[in-house]
Amino acid sequence: MINKDGTSRAAQPADQLTPAPGDQQMFENICGDFGIRIGRDGTWYYHGSPIGRKPLVKLFSTVLRKDDEGRYWLITPVEKGLIEVDDVPFIAVEMTAEGNGDNQQVTLRTNLDDCVVVNGDHPLRVVEDPETGEPSPYVLIRDNLEARLARPVYYHLVEIGEEREIDGETVFGVQSAGQFFRLGSLENPGENPEHDSGP
């Protein structure tokens, strides 16, 4: 969202955010259990109905927090309340890679247009389904909030991945911003990065 002076609302501190006039009532009246849920595919719902206005969803996302117990909160200038998140709040929907070898840099964009470079502050992690071995890759966006990589993005990441020997184990991963991020082990069939993944 853009202010009249050309600055981005998303870049403002949470206590300076103001909703658009048409969104004022929803933004101020939510309290306690907000009745908001974020689906596994990244869709935001308000009392079971999808929130169709992306600027409003982006506004809510700027005041989203996750506590140490794994609960998700919306903390507005006037209210604080729990929301339900099926998996994680964001989906990484686009990937770009620049450079080669140790100089390679991978950038991910979320469904709400957050962009992060995969690095020590925004690491990748992969969680596997214990029954199917299917990997679910995630990247840290900010403040304990993660995005799951959409299936095409994960496949793109695998395409630029490489094998390495680490502590006597052959692993598959990707280089970004001077660090190597593990996607799976090539010595354990249950950790095959070619398994299906995504929303």
N, C-alpha and C. Protein backbone atom coordinates (compact mmCIF):
# COMPACT_ATOMS: atom_id res chain seq x y z
N MET A 1 0.84 -1.18 0.00
CA MET A 1 0.00 0.00 0.00
C MET A 1 0.89 1.25 0.00
N ILE A 2 0.50 2.28 -0.75
CA ILE A 2 1.34 3.45 -0.94
C ILE A 2 0.68 4.67 -0.32
N ASN A 3 1.45 5.43 0.43
CA ASN A 3 0.96 6.67 1.01
C ASN A 3 1.00 7.78 -0.04
N LYS A 4 0.40 8.92 0.29
CA LYS A 4 0.37 10.04 -0.65
C LYS A 4 1.77 10.57 -0.95
N ASP A 5 2.71 10.40 0.01
CA ASP A 5 4.07 10.87 -0.22
C ASP A 5 4.92 9.89 -1.00
N GLY A 6 4.31 8.77 -1.44
CA GLY A 6 5.02 7.81 -2.25
C GLY A 6 5.71 6.71 -1.47
N THR A 7 5.67 6.77 -0.14
CA THR A 7 6.28 5.73 0.67
C THR A 7 5.34 4.56 0.82
N SER A 8 5.92 3.40 1.15
CA SER A 8 5.12 2.18 1.29
C SER A 8 4.60 2.05 2.70
N ARG A 9 3.30 1.78 2.85
CA ARG A 9 2.75 1.54 4.18
C ARG A 9 3.36 0.31 4.81
N ALA A 10 3.66 -0.69 3.99
CA ALA A 10 4.20 -1.93 4.53
C ALA A 10 5.53 -1.70 5.21
N ALA A 11 6.23 -0.61 4.84
CA ALA A 11 7.52 -0.33 5.43
C ALA A 11 7.41 0.46 6.72
N GLN A 12 6.20 0.93 7.07
CA GLN A 12 6.02 1.72 8.27
C GLN A 12 5.95 0.82 9.50
N PRO A 13 6.38 1.36 10.67
CA PRO A 13 6.19 0.60 11.91
C PRO A 13 4.72 0.31 12.14
N ALA A 14 4.44 -0.81 12.85
CA ALA A 14 3.06 -1.24 13.04
C ALA A 14 2.22 -0.18 13.72
N ASP A 15 2.83 0.61 14.65
CA ASP A 15 2.01 1.59 15.36
C ASP A 15 1.69 2.81 14.52
N GLN A 16 2.24 2.88 13.27
CA GLN A 16 1.93 3.99 12.39
C GLN A 16 1.02 3.58 11.23
N LEU A 17 0.66 2.31 11.17
CA LEU A 17 -0.17 1.83 10.07
C LEU A 17 -1.60 2.30 10.25
N THR A 18 -2.22 2.69 9.15
CA THR A 18 -3.64 3.03 9.18
C THR A 18 -4.31 2.37 8.00
N PRO A 19 -5.47 1.71 8.22
CA PRO A 19 -6.14 1.05 7.12
C PRO A 19 -6.83 2.05 6.20
N ALA A 20 -7.12 1.60 4.99
CA ALA A 20 -7.90 2.42 4.07
C ALA A 20 -9.27 2.66 4.68
N PRO A 21 -9.95 3.76 4.32
CA PRO A 21 -11.25 4.08 4.93
C PRO A 21 -12.24 2.94 4.88
N GLY A 22 -12.32 2.21 3.77
CA GLY A 22 -13.28 1.12 3.66
C GLY A 22 -12.96 -0.06 4.54
N ASP A 23 -11.70 -0.14 5.05
CA ASP A 23 -11.29 -1.26 5.88
C ASP A 23 -11.27 -0.90 7.35
N GLN A 24 -11.61 0.35 7.70
CA GLN A 24 -11.45 0.83 9.07
C GLN A 24 -12.25 0.00 10.06
N GLN A 25 -13.51 -0.31 9.75
CA GLN A 25 -14.35 -1.02 10.70
C GLN A 25 -13.81 -2.41 11.00
N MET A 26 -13.42 -3.16 9.95
CA MET A 26 -12.89 -4.49 10.19
C MET A 26 -11.61 -4.43 11.00
N PHE A 27 -10.76 -3.45 10.69
CA PHE A 27 -9.45 -3.38 11.34
C PHE A 27 -9.59 -3.04 12.82
N GLU A 28 -10.56 -2.19 13.17
CA GLU A 28 -10.68 -1.75 14.55
C GLU A 28 -11.55 -2.66 15.40
N ASN A 29 -12.50 -3.36 14.80
CA ASN A 29 -13.46 -4.11 15.59
C ASN A 29 -13.00 -5.50 15.96
N ILE A 30 -11.94 -6.01 15.31
CA ILE A 30 -11.48 -7.33 15.65
C ILE A 30 -10.88 -7.33 17.04
N CYS A 31 -11.21 -8.32 17.84
CA CYS A 31 -10.69 -8.39 19.20
C CYS A 31 -10.80 -9.82 19.69
N GLY A 32 -9.96 -10.19 20.66
CA GLY A 32 -9.99 -11.54 21.21
C GLY A 32 -9.63 -12.55 20.14
N ASP A 33 -10.56 -13.44 19.80
CA ASP A 33 -10.41 -14.34 18.67
C ASP A 33 -10.88 -13.58 17.44
N PHE A 34 -9.97 -13.26 16.56
CA PHE A 34 -10.29 -12.38 15.44
C PHE A 34 -11.19 -13.03 14.39
N GLY A 35 -11.35 -14.34 14.44
CA GLY A 35 -12.13 -15.00 13.41
C GLY A 35 -11.41 -15.05 12.08
N ILE A 36 -10.09 -14.93 12.13
CA ILE A 36 -9.27 -14.94 10.91
C ILE A 36 -8.48 -16.24 10.85
N ARG A 37 -8.43 -16.83 9.67
CA ARG A 37 -7.66 -18.05 9.45
C ARG A 37 -6.86 -17.90 8.17
N ILE A 38 -5.63 -18.39 8.20
CA ILE A 38 -4.81 -18.43 6.99
C ILE A 38 -4.72 -19.88 6.55
N GLY A 39 -5.26 -20.17 5.37
CA GLY A 39 -5.28 -21.53 4.85
C GLY A 39 -3.89 -21.99 4.43
N ARG A 40 -3.77 -23.28 4.19
CA ARG A 40 -2.48 -23.85 3.80
C ARG A 40 -1.97 -23.25 2.50
N ASP A 41 -2.88 -22.80 1.64
CA ASP A 41 -2.47 -22.21 0.37
C ASP A 41 -2.18 -20.72 0.47
N GLY A 42 -2.21 -20.17 1.70
CA GLY A 42 -1.91 -18.77 1.90
C GLY A 42 -3.11 -17.84 1.85
N THR A 43 -4.31 -18.38 1.58
CA THR A 43 -5.52 -17.56 1.54
C THR A 43 -5.93 -17.15 2.95
N TRP A 44 -6.26 -15.89 3.13
CA TRP A 44 -6.75 -15.39 4.41
C TRP A 44 -8.29 -15.40 4.41
N TYR A 45 -8.86 -15.86 5.50
CA TYR A 45 -10.32 -15.94 5.65
C TYR A 45 -10.75 -15.13 6.87
N TYR A 46 -11.90 -14.48 6.72
CA TYR A 46 -12.51 -13.76 7.85
C TYR A 46 -13.89 -14.36 8.07
N HIS A 47 -14.05 -15.04 9.21
CA HIS A 47 -15.29 -15.78 9.52
C HIS A 47 -15.68 -16.70 8.38
N GLY A 48 -14.71 -17.40 7.82
CA GLY A 48 -14.96 -18.41 6.81
C GLY A 48 -14.99 -17.92 5.39
N SER A 49 -14.99 -16.61 5.18
CA SER A 49 -15.05 -16.05 3.83
C SER A 49 -13.67 -15.52 3.43
N PRO A 50 -13.22 -15.81 2.22
CA PRO A 50 -11.91 -15.30 1.79
C PRO A 50 -11.87 -13.78 1.80
N ILE A 51 -10.77 -13.22 2.26
CA ILE A 51 -10.56 -11.78 2.19
C ILE A 51 -9.99 -11.48 0.80
N GLY A 52 -10.81 -10.89 -0.04
CA GLY A 52 -10.45 -10.74 -1.44
C GLY A 52 -9.54 -9.57 -1.75
N ARG A 53 -9.39 -8.64 -0.82
CA ARG A 53 -8.60 -7.44 -1.09
C ARG A 53 -7.16 -7.65 -0.62
N LYS A 54 -6.27 -7.83 -1.58
CA LYS A 54 -4.86 -8.09 -1.24
C LYS A 54 -4.24 -6.97 -0.41
N PRO A 55 -4.53 -5.68 -0.68
CA PRO A 55 -3.95 -4.63 0.17
C PRO A 55 -4.33 -4.77 1.64
N LEU A 56 -5.56 -5.22 1.91
CA LEU A 56 -5.98 -5.41 3.30
C LEU A 56 -5.24 -6.58 3.92
N VAL A 57 -5.09 -7.68 3.17
CA VAL A 57 -4.34 -8.83 3.68
C VAL A 57 -2.90 -8.43 3.96
N LYS A 58 -2.30 -7.66 3.06
CA LYS A 58 -0.92 -7.22 3.27
C LYS A 58 -0.82 -6.33 4.51
N LEU A 59 -1.83 -5.51 4.74
CA LEU A 59 -1.85 -4.66 5.93
C LEU A 59 -1.90 -5.52 7.20
N PHE A 60 -2.80 -6.50 7.22
CA PHE A 60 -2.88 -7.40 8.36
C PHE A 60 -1.55 -8.13 8.58
N SER A 61 -0.91 -8.54 7.49
CA SER A 61 0.32 -9.33 7.63
C SER A 61 1.44 -8.53 8.29
N THR A 62 1.39 -7.21 8.19
CA THR A 62 2.45 -6.40 8.80
C THR A 62 2.34 -6.36 10.31
N VAL A 63 1.18 -6.71 10.86
CA VAL A 63 1.02 -6.72 12.32
C VAL A 63 0.86 -8.15 12.84
N LEU A 64 1.28 -9.13 12.02
CA LEU A 64 1.22 -10.54 12.41
C LEU A 64 2.48 -10.90 13.19
N ARG A 65 2.28 -11.61 14.30
CA ARG A 65 3.39 -12.05 15.13
C ARG A 65 3.18 -13.52 15.52
N LYS A 66 4.29 -14.21 15.79
CA LYS A 66 4.25 -15.59 16.27
C LYS A 66 5.00 -15.66 17.58
N ASP A 67 4.34 -16.21 18.63
CA ASP A 67 5.01 -16.26 19.92
C ASP A 67 5.84 -17.53 20.07
N ASP A 68 6.50 -17.67 21.21
CA ASP A 68 7.39 -18.80 21.44
C ASP A 68 6.65 -20.13 21.56
N GLU A 69 5.35 -20.07 21.76
CA GLU A 69 4.53 -21.28 21.86
C GLU A 69 3.92 -21.67 20.52
N GLY A 70 4.27 -20.94 19.48
CA GLY A 70 3.78 -21.26 18.15
C GLY A 70 2.42 -20.69 17.81
N ARG A 71 1.89 -19.81 18.66
CA ARG A 71 0.60 -19.18 18.39
C ARG A 71 0.79 -17.92 17.57
N TYR A 72 -0.19 -17.65 16.71
CA TYR A 72 -0.14 -16.48 15.84
C TYR A 72 -1.09 -15.40 16.35
N TRP A 73 -0.60 -14.17 16.37
CA TRP A 73 -1.36 -13.04 16.87
C TRP A 73 -1.38 -11.92 15.83
N LEU A 74 -2.50 -11.20 15.77
CA LEU A 74 -2.53 -9.90 15.10
C LEU A 74 -2.48 -8.85 16.19
N ILE A 75 -1.50 -7.98 16.11
CA ILE A 75 -1.33 -6.94 17.13
C ILE A 75 -1.43 -5.60 16.43
N THR A 76 -2.60 -4.99 16.53
CA THR A 76 -2.86 -3.70 15.90
C THR A 76 -2.60 -2.60 16.92
N PRO A 77 -2.65 -1.34 16.51
CA PRO A 77 -2.45 -0.26 17.47
C PRO A 77 -3.49 -0.26 18.60
N VAL A 78 -4.63 -0.93 18.40
CA VAL A 78 -5.69 -0.87 19.42
C VAL A 78 -6.11 -2.23 19.95
N GLU A 79 -5.75 -3.33 19.30
CA GLU A 79 -6.21 -4.64 19.71
C GLU A 79 -5.11 -5.69 19.55
N LYS A 80 -5.31 -6.83 20.23
CA LYS A 80 -4.43 -7.98 20.08
C LYS A 80 -5.30 -9.21 20.15
N GLY A 81 -5.14 -10.12 19.19
CA GLY A 81 -5.97 -11.32 19.19
C GLY A 81 -5.34 -12.45 18.42
N LEU A 82 -5.75 -13.66 18.77
CA LEU A 82 -5.24 -14.86 18.13
C LEU A 82 -5.89 -15.05 16.76
N ILE A 83 -5.12 -15.62 15.83
CA ILE A 83 -5.69 -16.07 14.57
C ILE A 83 -5.23 -17.51 14.34
N GLU A 84 -5.90 -18.20 13.46
CA GLU A 84 -5.58 -19.59 13.15
C GLU A 84 -4.76 -19.66 11.86
N VAL A 85 -3.68 -20.43 11.89
CA VAL A 85 -2.85 -20.60 10.71
C VAL A 85 -2.70 -22.10 10.46
N ASP A 86 -3.15 -22.57 9.30
CA ASP A 86 -3.14 -24.00 9.01
C ASP A 86 -1.73 -24.57 8.96
N ASP A 87 -0.79 -23.81 8.39
CA ASP A 87 0.60 -24.27 8.30
C ASP A 87 1.52 -23.11 8.64
N VAL A 88 1.84 -22.28 7.67
CA VAL A 88 2.60 -21.06 7.89
C VAL A 88 1.87 -19.93 7.16
N PRO A 89 2.16 -18.67 7.51
CA PRO A 89 1.33 -17.59 6.96
C PRO A 89 1.61 -17.20 5.52
N PHE A 90 2.76 -17.58 4.97
CA PHE A 90 3.11 -17.12 3.63
C PHE A 90 3.46 -18.29 2.72
N ILE A 91 3.38 -18.04 1.42
CA ILE A 91 3.81 -18.98 0.40
C ILE A 91 4.84 -18.29 -0.48
N ALA A 92 5.99 -18.93 -0.68
CA ALA A 92 6.98 -18.39 -1.61
C ALA A 92 6.57 -18.79 -3.02
N VAL A 93 6.25 -17.81 -3.84
CA VAL A 93 5.65 -18.07 -5.16
C VAL A 93 6.59 -17.78 -6.32
N GLU A 94 7.74 -17.19 -6.04
CA GLU A 94 8.67 -16.86 -7.12
C GLU A 94 10.10 -16.91 -6.61
N MET A 95 11.00 -17.39 -7.46
CA MET A 95 12.40 -17.47 -7.10
C MET A 95 13.26 -16.93 -8.22
N THR A 96 14.29 -16.18 -7.87
CA THR A 96 15.30 -15.75 -8.83
C THR A 96 16.67 -16.08 -8.27
N ALA A 97 17.60 -16.42 -9.15
CA ALA A 97 18.97 -16.72 -8.74
C ALA A 97 19.92 -15.91 -9.59
N GLU A 98 20.87 -15.26 -8.92
CA GLU A 98 21.86 -14.45 -9.62
C GLU A 98 23.25 -14.92 -9.22
N GLY A 99 24.19 -14.86 -10.14
CA GLY A 99 25.55 -15.26 -9.86
C GLY A 99 25.74 -16.76 -9.98
N ASN A 100 26.97 -17.20 -9.76
CA ASN A 100 27.31 -18.61 -9.88
C ASN A 100 28.20 -19.03 -8.71
N GLY A 101 28.20 -20.34 -8.46
CA GLY A 101 29.08 -20.90 -7.44
C GLY A 101 28.86 -20.26 -6.09
N ASP A 102 29.97 -19.92 -5.42
CA ASP A 102 29.87 -19.33 -4.09
C ASP A 102 29.27 -17.94 -4.12
N ASN A 103 29.20 -17.33 -5.28
CA ASN A 103 28.63 -15.98 -5.40
C ASN A 103 27.14 -16.00 -5.72
N GLN A 104 26.58 -17.18 -5.82
CA GLN A 104 25.15 -17.27 -6.15
C GLN A 104 24.30 -16.70 -5.02
N GLN A 105 23.23 -16.01 -5.42
CA GLN A 105 22.29 -15.43 -4.46
C GLN A 105 20.87 -15.76 -4.90
N VAL A 106 20.13 -16.40 -4.01
CA VAL A 106 18.76 -16.81 -4.29
C VAL A 106 17.80 -15.87 -3.57
N THR A 107 16.86 -15.31 -4.33
CA THR A 107 15.85 -14.42 -3.77
C THR A 107 14.47 -15.04 -3.94
N LEU A 108 13.67 -14.98 -2.89
CA LEU A 108 12.31 -15.53 -2.91
C LEU A 108 11.30 -14.42 -2.67
N ARG A 109 10.19 -14.48 -3.41
CA ARG A 109 9.09 -13.53 -3.23
C ARG A 109 7.86 -14.29 -2.75
N THR A 110 7.17 -13.74 -1.76
CA THR A 110 5.99 -14.41 -1.22
C THR A 110 4.73 -13.95 -1.94
N ASN A 111 3.63 -14.61 -1.62
CA ASN A 111 2.33 -14.26 -2.17
C ASN A 111 1.87 -12.87 -1.75
N LEU A 112 2.50 -12.31 -0.71
CA LEU A 112 2.16 -10.95 -0.28
C LEU A 112 3.30 -9.98 -0.59
N ASP A 113 4.17 -10.40 -1.51
CA ASP A 113 5.21 -9.53 -2.08
C ASP A 113 6.34 -9.18 -1.12
N ASP A 114 6.53 -9.97 -0.07
CA ASP A 114 7.75 -9.86 0.72
C ASP A 114 8.87 -10.52 -0.08
N CYS A 115 10.03 -9.89 -0.16
CA CYS A 115 11.17 -10.47 -0.87
C CYS A 115 12.34 -10.63 0.10
N VAL A 116 12.92 -11.81 0.12
CA VAL A 116 14.06 -12.06 0.99
C VAL A 116 15.13 -12.80 0.22
N VAL A 117 16.38 -12.53 0.56
CA VAL A 117 17.51 -13.29 0.05
C VAL A 117 17.76 -14.45 1.00
N VAL A 118 17.87 -15.66 0.47
CA VAL A 118 18.17 -16.81 1.31
C VAL A 118 19.58 -16.65 1.85
N ASN A 119 19.67 -16.49 3.19
CA ASN A 119 20.96 -16.29 3.84
C ASN A 119 20.83 -16.68 5.31
N GLY A 120 21.79 -16.27 6.12
CA GLY A 120 21.76 -16.64 7.52
C GLY A 120 20.57 -16.07 8.26
N ASP A 121 20.07 -14.90 7.84
CA ASP A 121 18.90 -14.29 8.47
C ASP A 121 17.59 -14.85 7.92
N HIS A 122 17.66 -15.42 6.73
CA HIS A 122 16.47 -15.99 6.08
C HIS A 122 16.81 -17.40 5.59
N PRO A 123 17.04 -18.33 6.52
CA PRO A 123 17.49 -19.67 6.13
C PRO A 123 16.37 -20.54 5.58
N LEU A 124 16.78 -21.53 4.80
CA LEU A 124 15.87 -22.57 4.34
C LEU A 124 15.89 -23.73 5.33
N ARG A 125 14.76 -24.40 5.47
CA ARG A 125 14.71 -25.66 6.20
C ARG A 125 13.72 -26.57 5.49
N VAL A 126 13.92 -27.87 5.63
CA VAL A 126 13.05 -28.84 4.99
C VAL A 126 12.51 -29.80 6.04
N VAL A 127 11.20 -29.95 6.08
CA VAL A 127 10.53 -30.87 6.99
C VAL A 127 9.93 -31.99 6.16
N GLU A 128 10.14 -33.24 6.59
CA GLU A 128 9.63 -34.37 5.83
C GLU A 128 8.45 -35.03 6.52
N ASP A 129 7.50 -35.45 5.71
CA ASP A 129 6.38 -36.24 6.22
C ASP A 129 6.93 -37.59 6.66
N PRO A 130 6.74 -37.98 7.94
CA PRO A 130 7.32 -39.24 8.42
C PRO A 130 6.78 -40.47 7.72
N GLU A 131 5.59 -40.38 7.12
CA GLU A 131 4.99 -41.54 6.45
C GLU A 131 5.35 -41.61 4.98
N THR A 132 5.30 -40.47 4.30
CA THR A 132 5.52 -40.47 2.84
C THR A 132 6.93 -40.04 2.45
N GLY A 133 7.63 -39.38 3.36
CA GLY A 133 8.94 -38.85 3.02
C GLY A 133 8.87 -37.59 2.18
N GLU A 134 7.66 -37.07 1.95
CA GLU A 134 7.50 -35.86 1.13
C GLU A 134 8.08 -34.66 1.85
N PRO A 135 8.97 -33.91 1.19
CA PRO A 135 9.57 -32.75 1.84
C PRO A 135 8.68 -31.51 1.73
N SER A 136 8.69 -30.72 2.78
CA SER A 136 8.05 -29.41 2.75
C SER A 136 9.12 -28.38 3.09
N PRO A 137 9.56 -27.61 2.11
CA PRO A 137 10.62 -26.62 2.34
C PRO A 137 10.05 -25.28 2.81
N TYR A 138 10.75 -24.65 3.73
CA TYR A 138 10.32 -23.37 4.30
C TYR A 138 11.49 -22.39 4.30
N VAL A 139 11.16 -21.10 4.27
CA VAL A 139 12.15 -20.06 4.42
C VAL A 139 11.64 -19.07 5.46
N LEU A 140 12.55 -18.60 6.32
CA LEU A 140 12.18 -17.62 7.33
C LEU A 140 12.07 -16.25 6.66
N ILE A 141 10.91 -15.60 6.85
CA ILE A 141 10.69 -14.28 6.27
C ILE A 141 11.06 -13.18 7.26
N ARG A 142 10.48 -13.23 8.45
CA ARG A 142 10.79 -12.24 9.49
C ARG A 142 10.12 -12.66 10.79
N ASP A 143 10.71 -12.29 11.91
CA ASP A 143 10.08 -12.42 13.22
C ASP A 143 9.41 -13.78 13.44
N ASN A 144 10.12 -14.87 13.15
CA ASN A 144 9.60 -16.24 13.33
C ASN A 144 8.49 -16.60 12.35
N LEU A 145 8.24 -15.76 11.36
CA LEU A 145 7.20 -16.02 10.37
C LEU A 145 7.84 -16.63 9.12
N GLU A 146 7.30 -17.77 8.69
CA GLU A 146 7.89 -18.50 7.57
C GLU A 146 6.97 -18.53 6.36
N ALA A 147 7.58 -18.82 5.22
CA ALA A 147 6.84 -19.11 3.99
C ALA A 147 7.19 -20.52 3.55
N ARG A 148 6.18 -21.26 3.10
CA ARG A 148 6.45 -22.56 2.49
C ARG A 148 6.65 -22.34 0.99
N LEU A 149 7.64 -23.01 0.44
CA LEU A 149 7.91 -22.86 -0.98
C LEU A 149 6.85 -23.59 -1.80
N ALA A 150 6.23 -22.88 -2.73
CA ALA A 150 5.29 -23.51 -3.64
C ALA A 150 6.02 -24.56 -4.48
N ARG A 151 5.29 -25.53 -4.96
CA ARG A 151 5.88 -26.65 -5.69
C ARG A 151 6.78 -26.20 -6.85
N PRO A 152 6.32 -25.28 -7.74
CA PRO A 152 7.21 -24.87 -8.84
C PRO A 152 8.48 -24.19 -8.35
N VAL A 153 8.37 -23.44 -7.26
CA VAL A 153 9.54 -22.76 -6.71
C VAL A 153 10.54 -23.77 -6.17
N TYR A 154 10.02 -24.78 -5.49
CA TYR A 154 10.90 -25.83 -4.95
C TYR A 154 11.60 -26.57 -6.09
N TYR A 155 10.86 -26.90 -7.14
CA TYR A 155 11.47 -27.57 -8.29
C TYR A 155 12.56 -26.71 -8.92
N HIS A 156 12.31 -25.41 -9.01
CA HIS A 156 13.30 -24.49 -9.55
C HIS A 156 14.56 -24.49 -8.67
N LEU A 157 14.35 -24.53 -7.36
CA LEU A 157 15.47 -24.58 -6.42
C LEU A 157 16.27 -25.86 -6.60
N VAL A 158 15.57 -26.97 -6.78
CA VAL A 158 16.24 -28.25 -6.98
C VAL A 158 17.08 -28.22 -8.26
N GLU A 159 16.58 -27.53 -9.30
CA GLU A 159 17.30 -27.46 -10.58
C GLU A 159 18.67 -26.80 -10.43
N ILE A 160 18.80 -25.86 -9.51
CA ILE A 160 20.08 -25.16 -9.35
C ILE A 160 20.86 -25.73 -8.17
N GLY A 161 20.36 -26.82 -7.58
CA GLY A 161 21.03 -27.43 -6.44
C GLY A 161 22.27 -28.22 -6.85
N GLU A 162 22.99 -28.69 -5.85
CA GLU A 162 24.22 -29.43 -6.10
C GLU A 162 24.48 -30.41 -4.96
N GLU A 163 25.29 -31.40 -5.26
CA GLU A 163 25.69 -32.38 -4.25
C GLU A 163 26.97 -31.92 -3.55
N ARG A 164 27.03 -32.23 -2.25
CA ARG A 164 28.24 -31.93 -1.50
C ARG A 164 28.47 -33.01 -0.45
N GLU A 165 29.72 -33.19 -0.11
CA GLU A 165 30.08 -34.10 0.98
C GLU A 165 30.22 -33.28 2.25
N ILE A 166 29.39 -33.57 3.23
CA ILE A 166 29.44 -32.85 4.50
C ILE A 166 29.53 -33.87 5.63
N ASP A 167 30.61 -33.83 6.37
CA ASP A 167 30.83 -34.75 7.49
C ASP A 167 30.67 -36.21 7.05
N GLY A 168 31.20 -36.52 5.86
CA GLY A 168 31.15 -37.88 5.37
C GLY A 168 29.82 -38.30 4.78
N GLU A 169 28.89 -37.37 4.67
CA GLU A 169 27.57 -37.68 4.12
C GLU A 169 27.36 -36.90 2.83
N THR A 170 26.79 -37.57 1.82
CA THR A 170 26.47 -36.89 0.57
C THR A 170 25.11 -36.23 0.70
N VAL A 171 25.09 -34.90 0.59
CA VAL A 171 23.84 -34.17 0.75
C VAL A 171 23.57 -33.34 -0.50
N PHE A 172 22.32 -32.99 -0.67
CA PHE A 172 21.89 -32.16 -1.80
C PHE A 172 21.37 -30.85 -1.23
N GLY A 173 21.80 -29.74 -1.83
CA GLY A 173 21.36 -28.45 -1.33
C GLY A 173 21.61 -27.36 -2.33
N VAL A 174 21.51 -26.13 -1.84
CA VAL A 174 21.65 -24.97 -2.73
C VAL A 174 22.53 -23.93 -2.04
N GLN A 175 23.35 -23.28 -2.84
CA GLN A 175 24.23 -22.23 -2.36
C GLN A 175 23.55 -20.88 -2.52
N SER A 176 23.61 -20.05 -1.47
CA SER A 176 23.06 -18.70 -1.56
C SER A 176 23.75 -17.80 -0.54
N ALA A 177 24.16 -16.63 -1.01
CA ALA A 177 24.74 -15.61 -0.13
C ALA A 177 25.88 -16.16 0.72
N GLY A 178 26.71 -17.01 0.12
CA GLY A 178 27.88 -17.52 0.82
C GLY A 178 27.64 -18.67 1.76
N GLN A 179 26.41 -19.23 1.76
CA GLN A 179 26.10 -20.35 2.63
C GLN A 179 25.46 -21.48 1.82
N PHE A 180 25.61 -22.70 2.32
CA PHE A 180 25.02 -23.86 1.68
C PHE A 180 23.84 -24.33 2.52
N PHE A 181 22.68 -24.44 1.88
CA PHE A 181 21.46 -24.84 2.58
C PHE A 181 21.03 -26.23 2.12
N ARG A 182 20.93 -27.11 3.05
CA ARG A 182 20.63 -28.51 2.77
C ARG A 182 19.16 -28.70 2.40
N LEU A 183 18.94 -29.42 1.31
CA LEU A 183 17.58 -29.78 0.90
C LEU A 183 17.26 -31.24 1.18
N GLY A 184 18.27 -32.08 1.30
CA GLY A 184 18.03 -33.50 1.57
C GLY A 184 19.31 -34.29 1.48
N SER A 185 19.25 -35.53 1.98
CA SER A 185 20.38 -36.44 1.91
C SER A 185 20.21 -37.37 0.73
N LEU A 186 21.28 -37.60 -0.01
CA LEU A 186 21.23 -38.53 -1.13
C LEU A 186 21.53 -39.96 -0.69
N GLU A 187 21.78 -40.15 0.60
CA GLU A 187 22.08 -41.48 1.12
C GLU A 187 20.91 -42.09 1.86
N ASN A 188 19.82 -41.30 1.98
CA ASN A 188 18.62 -41.77 2.68
C ASN A 188 17.43 -41.60 1.76
N PRO A 189 16.81 -42.66 1.26
CA PRO A 189 15.69 -42.53 0.32
C PRO A 189 14.56 -41.67 0.86
N GLY A 190 14.41 -41.61 2.18
CA GLY A 190 13.34 -40.82 2.76
C GLY A 190 13.61 -39.34 2.71
N GLU A 191 14.83 -38.94 2.24
CA GLU A 191 15.17 -37.53 2.18
C GLU A 191 15.51 -37.12 0.76
N ASN A 192 14.81 -37.68 -0.21
CA ASN A 192 15.07 -37.39 -1.61
C ASN A 192 14.45 -36.07 -2.00
N PRO A 193 15.26 -35.09 -2.41
CA PRO A 193 14.68 -33.78 -2.75
C PRO A 193 13.80 -33.80 -3.98
N GLU A 194 13.76 -34.92 -4.71
CA GLU A 194 12.91 -34.99 -5.90
C GLU A 194 11.47 -35.36 -5.54
N HIS A 195 11.21 -35.70 -4.27
CA HIS A 195 9.83 -35.99 -3.88
C HIS A 195 8.95 -34.78 -4.13
N ASP A 196 7.66 -35.01 -4.20
CA ASP A 196 6.69 -33.94 -4.41
C ASP A 196 6.69 -32.99 -3.23
N SER A 197 6.30 -31.75 -3.46
CA SER A 197 6.26 -30.76 -2.41
C SER A 197 5.36 -29.64 -2.83
N GLY A 198 5.01 -28.76 -1.85
CA GLY A 198 4.26 -27.56 -2.19
C GLY A 198 2.92 -27.50 -1.51
N PRO A 199 2.17 -26.46 -1.79
CA PRO A 199 0.86 -26.26 -1.16
C PRO A 199 -0.10 -27.38 -1.48
